[in-house]
Amino acid sequence: MSQNLLELVQNYFGGDTVRQTSTALGENEGGIGTALRSIVPLVLGGLFARSQQPGGTTELFGLAQQAHSNGILGNLSSLLGGMGVNSTAPASDGGLLNKGAELLRSVLGSNYTSAVEGVSQQAGVRTSTTSSLMAMAVPVVLGLLGKHSAENNLDSNGFGSYLNDQKSSIMGALGSLPSGLGSILSGLGLGAAASSVGNTASAAATGFGNAVSATADRTGDAVRNTAREVEATASSPSRWPWILLLLLGLAALFYFMRGCNKEPEATVPAATEPMADTTAITPAAPAAPTGRYDEASGNYIYETGANTDINLSDGTVLNVGSSSIEARLFNFLNDANQTVSDDKTQGWMSLDRVYFNTAKSTLTAESQAQLKNIASILKAFPNAAIKFGGYTDNVGKADMNLTLSADRANVARKAVMDAGIDAGRVAAEGYGQEHPIATNDTPEGRAQNRRVDVRVTKK
């Protein structure tokens, strides 16, 4: 029996690897471990999908040989060396890291960003961390494949056969991904294999449904035809086990297709559960803030009004500007007459004292105070939930800006979570350079567009 690739990869990403990676990326071990549990199946699914494309097996075989010959598996630091948050030196195997990232992007296509954001939100880590983990996982998997090929003297054809042998376990792992990540399957190019894991009954399952039966009536016809086949071949005992298995399979398909054709029943969410704001609707621009551009820092300095005290129910007193985000958030939550709009493009407010280092997702020191204040307000309103939205100016490539904006929104989310707020109450999403609130033709306008907004999603 051939070695199970999924188990090999999961074993490699054990305790020591998680610890090293969390240190290199500046994340907690729990978040790294959670992210890897989703990333490993996605990476395996991506590589398997590539192997099914023209020239894919040959390409992967060559990369696997290269990864094995470079000794990646015994020298993880060579991959982590260029990934650390404080490191400026490139990793010695940065070429494989880049190839890993490029390979996943090409296979996942437009689903790459949603995969990164989905894993990041589920694990509570930065999107840049998830991107790095995905890029690192590819060379590791290739190294394990190269090692197996060398030990078993496999050529390209034998390598392809081994990958095909892994399909069942890979599909099973993909099928157990957390809710929300299953939709990524449609971007893996796995066709009927993806549909068989049961994560979707939509476009990915169309070919499967057409091949067997699109309706219960046609499935019934198949069962009746099989019954005639049983009668015609009853004198051949050796065929009975196969016929019985086929009958059971068709019966299961009949039940499955009937379930797929039913209209879903309406469900009412429990009153105590926070409402997740995950609808893919882009927010409208909030009202233009007032303030001034600071040329020295490159930031837009907001005017937050005269200082005032906010007295929270737990005895905490916040001394903040009367028009600051803290005051506006508190007033909204504390006023029973103000409700959360069903229009998810409304209600966004810009954080007025949260800034990031240029082209990075690292917060400046003075930014932590406002995020801690937001956490304090949320503690006083335990039923409330919020969503952060990240934005950039239009300098640089749009896809990089999208990733940067998502990283910044998730950093704000993580700071609030670190201050004691449950992950289910805080969501985050990046919108890149879309939806500017000022012109991008001036330094002042670009500074205003580089922002993180917040919206109350539940009171």
Protein backbone atom coordinates (compact mmCIF):
# COMPACT_ATOMS: atom_id res chain seq x y z
CA MET A 1 0.00 0.00 0.00
CA SER A 2 1.37 3.42 -0.93
CA GLN A 3 2.08 5.99 1.76
CA ASN A 4 -0.80 8.35 2.58
CA LEU A 5 0.35 11.79 1.48
CA LEU A 6 -2.17 13.63 3.67
CA GLU A 7 -0.85 11.89 6.80
CA LEU A 8 2.75 12.56 5.80
CA VAL A 9 2.09 16.28 5.44
CA GLN A 10 0.05 16.50 8.65
CA ASN A 11 2.80 14.70 10.56
CA TYR A 12 5.42 17.07 9.18
CA PHE A 13 3.45 20.09 10.35
CA GLY A 14 3.58 18.92 13.95
CA GLY A 15 4.37 20.71 17.18
CA ASP A 16 7.97 21.78 16.48
CA THR A 17 7.11 23.07 13.02
CA VAL A 18 4.14 25.04 14.35
CA ARG A 19 6.30 26.57 17.07
CA GLN A 20 9.03 27.60 14.65
CA THR A 21 6.49 29.01 12.20
CA SER A 22 4.57 30.96 14.85
CA THR A 23 7.84 32.56 15.99
CA ALA A 24 8.89 33.43 12.44
CA LEU A 25 5.51 34.94 11.52
CA GLY A 26 4.72 36.60 14.84
CA GLU A 27 1.47 34.67 15.41
CA ASN A 28 0.29 32.47 18.27
CA GLU A 29 0.70 28.70 17.90
CA GLY A 30 -3.03 28.06 18.11
CA GLY A 31 -3.76 30.30 15.13
CA ILE A 32 -0.96 28.75 13.06
CA GLY A 33 -2.16 25.22 13.86
CA THR A 34 -5.77 26.07 12.97
CA ALA A 35 -4.73 27.71 9.71
CA LEU A 36 -2.57 24.74 8.69
CA ARG A 37 -5.46 22.31 9.24
CA SER A 38 -7.29 24.07 6.41
CA ILE A 39 -4.27 24.99 4.31
CA VAL A 40 -2.92 21.42 4.00
CA PRO A 41 -6.06 20.05 2.26
CA LEU A 42 -6.29 23.16 0.05
CA VAL A 43 -2.65 22.83 -1.03
CA LEU A 44 -3.00 19.10 -1.67
CA GLY A 45 -6.18 19.73 -3.63
CA GLY A 46 -4.44 22.44 -5.63
CA LEU A 47 -1.48 20.22 -6.50
CA PHE A 48 -3.76 17.32 -7.41
CA ALA A 49 -5.79 19.65 -9.64
CA ARG A 50 -2.59 20.81 -11.35
CA SER A 51 -1.57 17.19 -11.96
CA GLN A 52 -4.81 16.67 -13.89
CA GLN A 53 -4.01 19.53 -16.28
CA PRO A 54 -1.90 19.14 -19.44
CA GLY A 55 1.78 18.98 -18.49
CA GLY A 56 0.92 19.24 -14.81
CA THR A 57 2.34 15.90 -13.71
CA THR A 58 5.67 16.53 -15.44
CA GLU A 59 5.92 20.01 -13.91
CA LEU A 60 5.16 18.78 -10.39
CA PHE A 61 7.55 15.84 -10.74
CA GLY A 62 10.39 18.22 -11.62
CA LEU A 63 9.55 20.55 -8.74
CA ALA A 64 9.32 17.58 -6.35
CA GLN A 65 12.78 16.39 -7.39
CA GLN A 66 14.16 19.91 -6.91
CA ALA A 67 12.58 20.28 -3.46
CA HIS A 68 13.94 16.92 -2.34
CA SER A 69 17.44 17.54 -3.68
CA ASN A 70 17.54 20.91 -1.87
CA GLY A 71 16.97 19.13 1.45
CA ILE A 72 14.01 21.30 2.39
CA LEU A 73 12.44 18.74 4.73
CA GLY A 74 15.48 18.65 6.97
CA ASN A 75 16.05 22.40 6.95
CA LEU A 76 12.77 24.19 7.62
CA SER A 77 14.67 27.32 8.61
CA SER A 78 15.63 27.77 4.96
CA LEU A 79 11.95 28.37 4.21
CA LEU A 80 11.22 30.39 7.33
CA GLY A 81 14.30 32.58 6.99
CA GLY A 82 12.69 35.05 4.61
CA MET A 83 9.22 34.93 6.15
CA GLY A 84 9.86 36.35 9.61
CA VAL A 85 8.21 39.63 10.53
CA ASN A 86 11.57 41.10 11.57
CA SER A 87 13.69 39.46 8.91
CA THR A 88 15.07 41.29 5.91
CA ALA A 89 17.21 38.47 4.54
CA PRO A 90 15.70 36.38 1.77
CA ALA A 91 15.19 32.69 2.41
CA SER A 92 17.79 30.46 0.79
CA ASP A 93 14.97 28.58 -0.88
CA GLY A 94 12.92 31.65 -1.70
CA GLY A 95 12.72 30.44 -5.29
CA LEU A 96 10.58 27.49 -4.22
CA LEU A 97 8.50 29.74 -1.98
CA ASN A 98 7.79 31.99 -4.95
CA LYS A 99 7.03 29.03 -7.17
CA GLY A 100 4.71 27.66 -4.51
CA ALA A 101 2.77 30.91 -4.30
CA GLU A 102 2.61 31.24 -8.10
CA LEU A 103 1.44 27.64 -8.49
CA LEU A 104 -1.41 28.06 -6.01
CA ARG A 105 -2.46 31.38 -7.52
CA SER A 106 -2.58 29.85 -11.00
CA VAL A 107 -4.65 26.87 -9.84
CA LEU A 108 -7.02 28.70 -7.51
CA GLY A 109 -7.40 31.67 -9.85
CA SER A 110 -9.92 34.21 -8.59
CA ASN A 111 -10.59 32.01 -5.56
CA TYR A 112 -7.08 32.52 -4.17
CA THR A 113 -7.93 35.72 -2.32
CA SER A 114 -11.16 34.33 -0.87
CA ALA A 115 -9.26 31.20 0.24
CA VAL A 116 -6.64 33.33 2.02
CA GLU A 117 -9.26 35.53 3.66
CA GLY A 118 -11.43 32.56 4.63
CA VAL A 119 -8.58 30.71 6.34
CA SER A 120 -7.36 33.93 8.00
CA GLN A 121 -10.74 34.76 9.47
CA GLN A 122 -11.36 31.21 10.62
CA ALA A 123 -7.93 30.96 12.29
CA GLY A 124 -7.69 34.54 13.54
CA VAL A 125 -4.39 35.25 11.77
CA ARG A 126 -3.28 37.90 9.31
CA THR A 127 -3.89 37.28 5.62
CA SER A 128 -0.17 37.80 5.03
CA THR A 129 0.42 34.92 7.45
CA THR A 130 -1.97 32.67 5.55
CA SER A 131 -0.33 33.58 2.24
CA SER A 132 3.09 32.74 3.71
CA LEU A 133 1.83 29.43 5.10
CA MET A 134 0.36 28.47 1.74
CA ALA A 135 3.58 29.36 -0.05
CA MET A 136 5.59 27.34 2.52
CA ALA A 137 3.27 24.33 2.42
CA VAL A 138 3.76 23.80 -1.32
CA PRO A 139 7.56 23.18 -1.16
CA VAL A 140 7.04 20.95 1.88
CA VAL A 141 4.48 18.82 0.03
CA LEU A 142 6.73 18.76 -3.03
CA GLY A 143 9.67 17.71 -0.84
CA LEU A 144 7.64 14.84 0.61
CA LEU A 145 6.60 13.81 -2.90
CA GLY A 146 10.21 13.99 -4.08
CA LYS A 147 11.37 11.92 -1.12
CA HIS A 148 8.74 9.25 -1.80
CA SER A 149 9.65 9.20 -5.51
CA ALA A 150 13.37 8.80 -4.78
CA GLU A 151 12.81 6.04 -2.23
CA ASN A 152 10.57 4.12 -4.63
CA ASN A 153 12.48 4.88 -7.86
CA LEU A 154 9.43 6.50 -9.46
CA ASP A 155 9.59 8.16 -12.84
CA SER A 156 7.10 10.80 -14.00
CA ASN A 157 4.44 8.19 -14.81
CA GLY A 158 4.87 6.44 -11.45
CA PHE A 159 4.71 9.84 -9.76
CA GLY A 160 1.40 10.56 -11.50
CA SER A 161 0.01 7.19 -10.48
CA TYR A 162 0.96 7.84 -6.86
CA LEU A 163 -0.83 11.18 -6.92
CA ASN A 164 -3.93 9.54 -8.38
CA ASP A 165 -3.84 6.98 -5.56
CA GLN A 166 -4.12 9.89 -3.09
CA LYS A 167 -7.32 11.27 -4.60
CA SER A 168 -9.67 9.63 -2.12
CA SER A 169 -7.92 10.93 1.02
CA ILE A 170 -7.47 14.40 -0.51
CA MET A 171 -11.16 14.60 -1.42
CA GLY A 172 -12.10 13.45 2.05
CA ALA A 173 -9.97 16.16 3.64
CA LEU A 174 -11.44 18.81 1.34
CA GLY A 175 -14.91 17.63 2.26
CA SER A 176 -14.23 18.23 5.96
CA LEU A 177 -13.07 21.83 5.55
CA PRO A 178 -14.85 24.35 7.80
CA SER A 179 -18.02 25.93 6.49
CA GLY A 180 -17.32 28.70 4.01
CA LEU A 181 -14.10 27.18 2.66
CA GLY A 182 -15.93 24.44 0.76
CA SER A 183 -16.84 26.90 -1.98
CA ILE A 184 -13.14 27.13 -2.85
CA LEU A 185 -13.51 23.66 -4.41
CA SER A 186 -15.16 25.18 -7.43
CA GLY A 187 -11.91 26.98 -8.19
CA LEU A 188 -9.68 23.93 -7.89
CA GLY A 189 -10.63 22.49 -11.24
CA LEU A 190 -11.42 19.12 -9.66
CA GLY A 191 -14.71 18.68 -11.50
CA ALA A 192 -16.63 15.59 -10.52
CA ALA A 193 -14.06 14.68 -7.90
CA ALA A 194 -14.88 17.86 -6.02
CA SER A 195 -18.59 17.28 -6.24
CA SER A 196 -18.26 13.80 -4.78
CA VAL A 197 -17.20 15.13 -1.39
CA GLY A 198 -20.64 16.63 -1.01
CA ASN A 199 -19.60 20.18 -0.17
CA THR A 200 -21.77 21.60 -2.93
CA ALA A 201 -24.76 20.50 -4.95
CA SER A 202 -24.49 23.33 -7.42
CA ALA A 203 -22.36 23.89 -10.50
CA ALA A 204 -19.60 21.57 -9.36
CA ALA A 205 -22.10 18.72 -9.16
CA THR A 206 -23.77 19.38 -12.50
CA GLY A 207 -21.70 16.88 -14.48
CA PHE A 208 -22.19 14.27 -11.77
CA GLY A 209 -25.95 14.80 -11.68
CA ASN A 210 -26.30 14.69 -15.44
CA ALA A 211 -24.28 11.50 -15.70
CA VAL A 212 -26.48 9.63 -13.23
CA SER A 213 -29.83 11.39 -13.12
CA ALA A 214 -31.08 14.95 -12.86
CA THR A 215 -34.37 13.90 -11.29
CA ALA A 216 -35.80 11.17 -9.11
CA ASP A 217 -37.84 9.85 -12.04
CA ARG A 218 -34.75 9.16 -14.10
CA THR A 219 -33.08 7.52 -11.11
CA GLY A 220 -36.16 5.33 -10.75
CA ASP A 221 -35.79 4.29 -14.38
CA ALA A 222 -32.16 3.37 -13.72
CA VAL A 223 -33.22 1.23 -10.77
CA ARG A 224 -35.87 -0.53 -12.84
CA ASN A 225 -33.40 -1.15 -15.66
CA THR A 226 -30.95 -2.60 -13.17
CA ALA A 227 -33.69 -4.85 -11.80
CA ARG A 228 -34.17 -6.26 -15.29
CA GLU A 229 -30.41 -6.78 -15.49
CA VAL A 230 -30.56 -8.67 -12.18
CA GLU A 231 -33.33 -10.91 -13.49
CA ALA A 232 -31.47 -11.60 -16.73
CA THR A 233 -28.26 -12.55 -14.94
CA ALA A 234 -29.62 -14.31 -11.87
CA SER A 235 -28.07 -17.55 -13.05
CA SER A 236 -24.57 -16.08 -12.66
CA PRO A 237 -23.76 -16.11 -8.90
CA SER A 238 -20.39 -14.42 -9.37
CA ARG A 239 -22.10 -11.22 -10.47
CA TRP A 240 -24.49 -10.96 -7.51
CA PRO A 241 -22.17 -8.97 -5.17
CA TRP A 242 -21.56 -6.34 -7.84
CA ILE A 243 -25.22 -6.09 -8.72
CA LEU A 244 -26.21 -5.66 -5.07
CA LEU A 245 -23.60 -2.93 -4.64
CA LEU A 246 -24.92 -1.17 -7.74
CA LEU A 247 -28.49 -1.37 -6.42
CA LEU A 248 -27.44 0.11 -3.09
CA GLY A 249 -25.53 2.87 -4.87
CA LEU A 250 -28.49 3.77 -7.06
CA ALA A 251 -30.81 3.78 -4.07
CA ALA A 252 -28.47 6.17 -2.28
CA LEU A 253 -28.36 8.38 -5.36
CA PHE A 254 -32.16 8.38 -5.49
CA TYR A 255 -32.26 9.60 -1.87
CA PHE A 256 -29.54 12.18 -2.55
CA MET A 257 -31.20 13.60 -5.64
CA ARG A 258 -34.55 13.87 -3.88
CA GLY A 259 -32.86 15.83 -1.09
CA CYS A 260 -31.14 18.14 -3.58
CA ASN A 261 -34.45 18.92 -5.33
CA LYS A 262 -36.19 19.97 -2.11
CA GLU A 263 -36.58 23.63 -1.30
CA PRO A 264 -34.54 24.47 1.83
CA GLU A 265 -36.60 25.08 4.92
CA ALA A 266 -36.44 28.55 6.44
CA THR A 267 -34.44 28.67 9.63
CA VAL A 268 -34.47 31.27 12.38
CA PRO A 269 -31.11 31.95 14.02
CA ALA A 270 -30.91 31.71 17.79
CA ALA A 271 -31.35 35.08 19.44
CA THR A 272 -28.10 34.73 21.39
CA GLU A 273 -25.89 34.07 18.38
CA PRO A 274 -24.12 37.08 16.78
CA MET A 275 -25.16 37.76 13.22
CA ALA A 276 -22.15 37.28 10.93
CA ASP A 277 -21.84 40.02 8.32
CA THR A 278 -20.36 37.95 5.51
CA THR A 279 -22.42 39.14 2.54
CA ALA A 280 -20.10 40.01 -0.33
CA ILE A 281 -21.42 43.58 -0.66
CA THR A 282 -18.93 46.40 -0.80
CA PRO A 283 -19.55 49.26 1.61
CA ALA A 284 -20.40 52.76 0.55
CA ALA A 285 -17.98 55.49 1.54
CA PRO A 286 -18.64 57.04 4.97
CA ALA A 287 -19.00 60.76 5.36
CA ALA A 288 -15.78 62.61 4.57
CA PRO A 289 -13.80 63.20 7.78
CA THR A 290 -12.42 66.53 8.87
CA GLY A 291 -8.78 67.02 9.69
CA ARG A 292 -5.43 67.82 8.16
CA TYR A 293 -2.64 66.08 6.28
CA ASP A 294 0.61 65.58 8.23
CA GLU A 295 3.44 65.61 5.72
CA ALA A 296 6.02 64.29 8.19
CA SER A 297 4.15 61.05 8.93
CA GLY A 298 2.16 60.82 5.71
CA ASN A 299 -1.03 60.35 7.76
CA TYR A 300 -4.32 62.19 7.82
CA ILE A 301 -4.83 63.58 11.33
CA TYR A 302 -8.50 63.59 12.23
CA GLU A 303 -10.19 66.21 14.35
CA THR A 304 -11.96 64.34 17.15
CA GLY A 305 -13.44 67.28 19.10
CA ALA A 306 -13.13 68.31 22.73
CA ASN A 307 -12.34 65.57 25.23
CA THR A 308 -15.26 64.01 27.04
CA ASP A 309 -15.76 61.05 29.39
CA ILE A 310 -17.58 57.89 28.34
CA ASN A 311 -18.81 55.98 31.39
CA LEU A 312 -19.22 52.28 30.63
CA SER A 313 -21.47 49.93 32.58
CA ASP A 314 -18.54 48.03 34.09
CA GLY A 315 -17.12 51.20 35.63
CA THR A 316 -14.55 51.86 32.91
CA VAL A 317 -14.19 55.54 31.97
CA LEU A 318 -12.84 56.45 28.52
CA ASN A 319 -11.59 59.99 27.98
CA VAL A 320 -11.88 60.57 24.23
CA GLY A 321 -12.82 63.21 21.69
CA SER A 322 -16.53 64.02 21.46
CA SER A 323 -16.59 63.14 17.74
CA SER A 324 -14.08 60.26 17.93
CA ILE A 325 -14.91 56.77 16.74
CA GLU A 326 -15.24 55.68 20.37
CA ALA A 327 -17.88 58.34 21.07
CA ARG A 328 -19.78 57.58 17.86
CA LEU A 329 -19.67 53.82 18.47
CA PHE A 330 -20.80 54.18 22.09
CA ASN A 331 -23.64 56.55 21.19
CA PHE A 332 -24.89 54.20 18.49
CA LEU A 333 -24.87 51.16 20.74
CA ASN A 334 -26.31 53.03 23.72
CA ASP A 335 -29.20 54.62 21.80
CA ALA A 336 -32.12 52.19 21.48
CA ASN A 337 -33.59 54.33 18.70
CA GLN A 338 -30.61 53.70 16.43
CA THR A 339 -30.77 50.35 14.65
CA VAL A 340 -28.44 48.37 12.40
CA SER A 341 -29.40 49.00 8.79
CA ASP A 342 -30.31 46.06 6.59
CA ASP A 343 -28.29 47.86 3.91
CA LYS A 344 -24.78 46.59 4.57
CA THR A 345 -23.32 49.50 2.62
CA GLN A 346 -24.40 51.90 5.36
CA GLY A 347 -23.11 52.71 8.83
CA TRP A 348 -19.37 52.61 8.20
CA MET A 349 -17.16 54.88 10.35
CA SER A 350 -13.44 55.53 9.89
CA LEU A 351 -11.04 54.76 12.74
CA ASP A 352 -9.52 58.15 13.47
CA ARG A 353 -6.41 57.19 15.46
CA VAL A 354 -5.32 53.91 13.84
CA TYR A 355 -2.31 54.10 11.54
CA PHE A 356 0.06 51.62 9.91
CA ASN A 357 3.68 51.71 8.86
CA THR A 358 4.08 52.53 5.18
CA ALA A 359 3.18 49.61 2.86
CA LYS A 360 2.92 47.29 5.89
CA SER A 361 0.20 45.88 8.10
CA THR A 362 2.03 46.64 11.35
CA LEU A 363 0.28 49.13 13.64
CA THR A 364 2.08 52.20 14.88
CA ALA A 365 2.42 52.28 18.68
CA GLU A 366 -0.21 54.99 19.20
CA SER A 367 -2.85 52.97 17.33
CA GLN A 368 -3.25 50.30 20.01
CA ALA A 369 -5.05 52.66 22.41
CA GLN A 370 -8.07 53.20 20.16
CA LEU A 371 -8.49 49.50 19.41
CA LYS A 372 -8.36 48.72 23.14
CA ASN A 373 -11.05 51.37 23.68
CA ILE A 374 -13.22 49.69 21.07
CA ALA A 375 -12.77 46.39 22.87
CA SER A 376 -13.80 48.04 26.15
CA ILE A 377 -16.97 49.37 24.54
CA LEU A 378 -17.82 45.96 23.10
CA LYS A 379 -17.41 44.41 26.57
CA ALA A 380 -20.04 46.84 27.85
CA PHE A 381 -22.41 45.75 25.06
CA PRO A 382 -22.03 41.93 25.05
CA ASN A 383 -24.60 41.39 22.29
CA ALA A 384 -22.89 43.73 19.84
CA ALA A 385 -20.82 42.61 16.85
CA ILE A 386 -18.71 44.65 14.43
CA LYS A 387 -16.86 44.35 11.14
CA PHE A 388 -13.62 46.06 10.11
CA GLY A 389 -13.07 47.09 6.48
CA GLY A 390 -9.56 47.85 5.18
CA TYR A 391 -8.74 50.26 2.32
CA THR A 392 -5.68 51.63 0.53
CA ASP A 393 -4.90 54.38 -1.94
CA ASN A 394 -4.37 53.51 -5.61
CA VAL A 395 -0.56 53.48 -5.53
CA GLY A 396 0.83 50.07 -6.52
CA LYS A 397 -0.81 46.94 -7.91
CA ALA A 398 -4.49 46.39 -7.20
CA ASP A 399 -4.08 42.77 -6.04
CA MET A 400 -1.29 43.69 -3.64
CA ASN A 401 -3.38 46.56 -2.29
CA LEU A 402 -6.28 44.17 -1.75
CA THR A 403 -4.08 41.83 0.27
CA LEU A 404 -2.58 44.74 2.24
CA SER A 405 -6.02 46.13 3.06
CA ALA A 406 -7.21 42.71 4.25
CA ASP A 407 -4.08 42.33 6.38
CA ARG A 408 -4.70 45.69 8.02
CA ALA A 409 -8.37 44.94 8.71
CA ASN A 410 -7.38 41.61 10.25
CA VAL A 411 -4.67 43.24 12.36
CA ALA A 412 -7.32 45.57 13.80
CA ARG A 413 -9.58 42.57 14.38
CA LYS A 414 -6.79 40.65 16.11
CA ALA A 415 -5.99 43.59 18.41
CA VAL A 416 -9.62 43.71 19.55
CA MET A 417 -9.65 39.94 20.03
CA ASP A 418 -6.39 40.10 22.00
CA ALA A 419 -8.13 42.62 24.29
CA GLY A 420 -10.69 39.98 25.22
CA ILE A 421 -13.42 40.04 22.54
CA ASP A 422 -14.62 36.71 21.14
CA ALA A 423 -13.68 36.06 17.50
CA GLY A 424 -17.32 35.48 16.57
CA ARG A 425 -18.13 39.11 17.39
CA VAL A 426 -15.48 40.65 15.13
CA ALA A 427 -15.23 40.21 11.36
CA ALA A 428 -12.77 41.77 8.90
CA GLU A 429 -12.48 42.19 5.14
CA GLY A 430 -10.19 44.07 2.76
CA TYR A 431 -11.47 46.16 -0.15
CA GLY A 432 -8.15 47.41 -1.51
CA GLN A 433 -8.19 50.64 -3.47
CA GLU A 434 -11.92 50.48 -4.18
CA HIS A 435 -14.38 52.99 -2.67
CA PRO A 436 -12.09 55.96 -2.00
CA ILE A 437 -13.48 58.77 0.17
CA ALA A 438 -11.17 61.38 -1.36
CA THR A 439 -9.19 61.97 -4.53
CA ASN A 440 -6.07 59.90 -5.10
CA ASP A 441 -4.47 62.79 -6.99
CA THR A 442 -3.09 64.50 -3.87
CA PRO A 443 -1.07 63.28 -0.87
CA GLU A 444 -3.87 64.46 1.43
CA GLY A 445 -6.51 62.51 -0.45
CA ARG A 446 -4.41 59.36 -0.58
CA ALA A 447 -3.82 59.63 3.18
CA GLN A 448 -7.59 59.72 3.77
CA ASN A 449 -8.11 56.68 1.55
CA ARG A 450 -5.56 54.65 3.53
CA ARG A 451 -7.92 53.74 6.33
CA VAL A 452 -9.74 51.09 8.35
CA ASP A 453 -13.49 51.54 8.80
CA VAL A 454 -15.80 49.82 11.26
CA ARG A 455 -19.50 48.96 11.07
CA VAL A 456 -21.84 47.64 13.76
CA THR A 457 -23.42 44.43 12.44
CA LYS A 458 -25.47 43.56 15.53
CA LYS A 459 -26.62 45.45 18.63
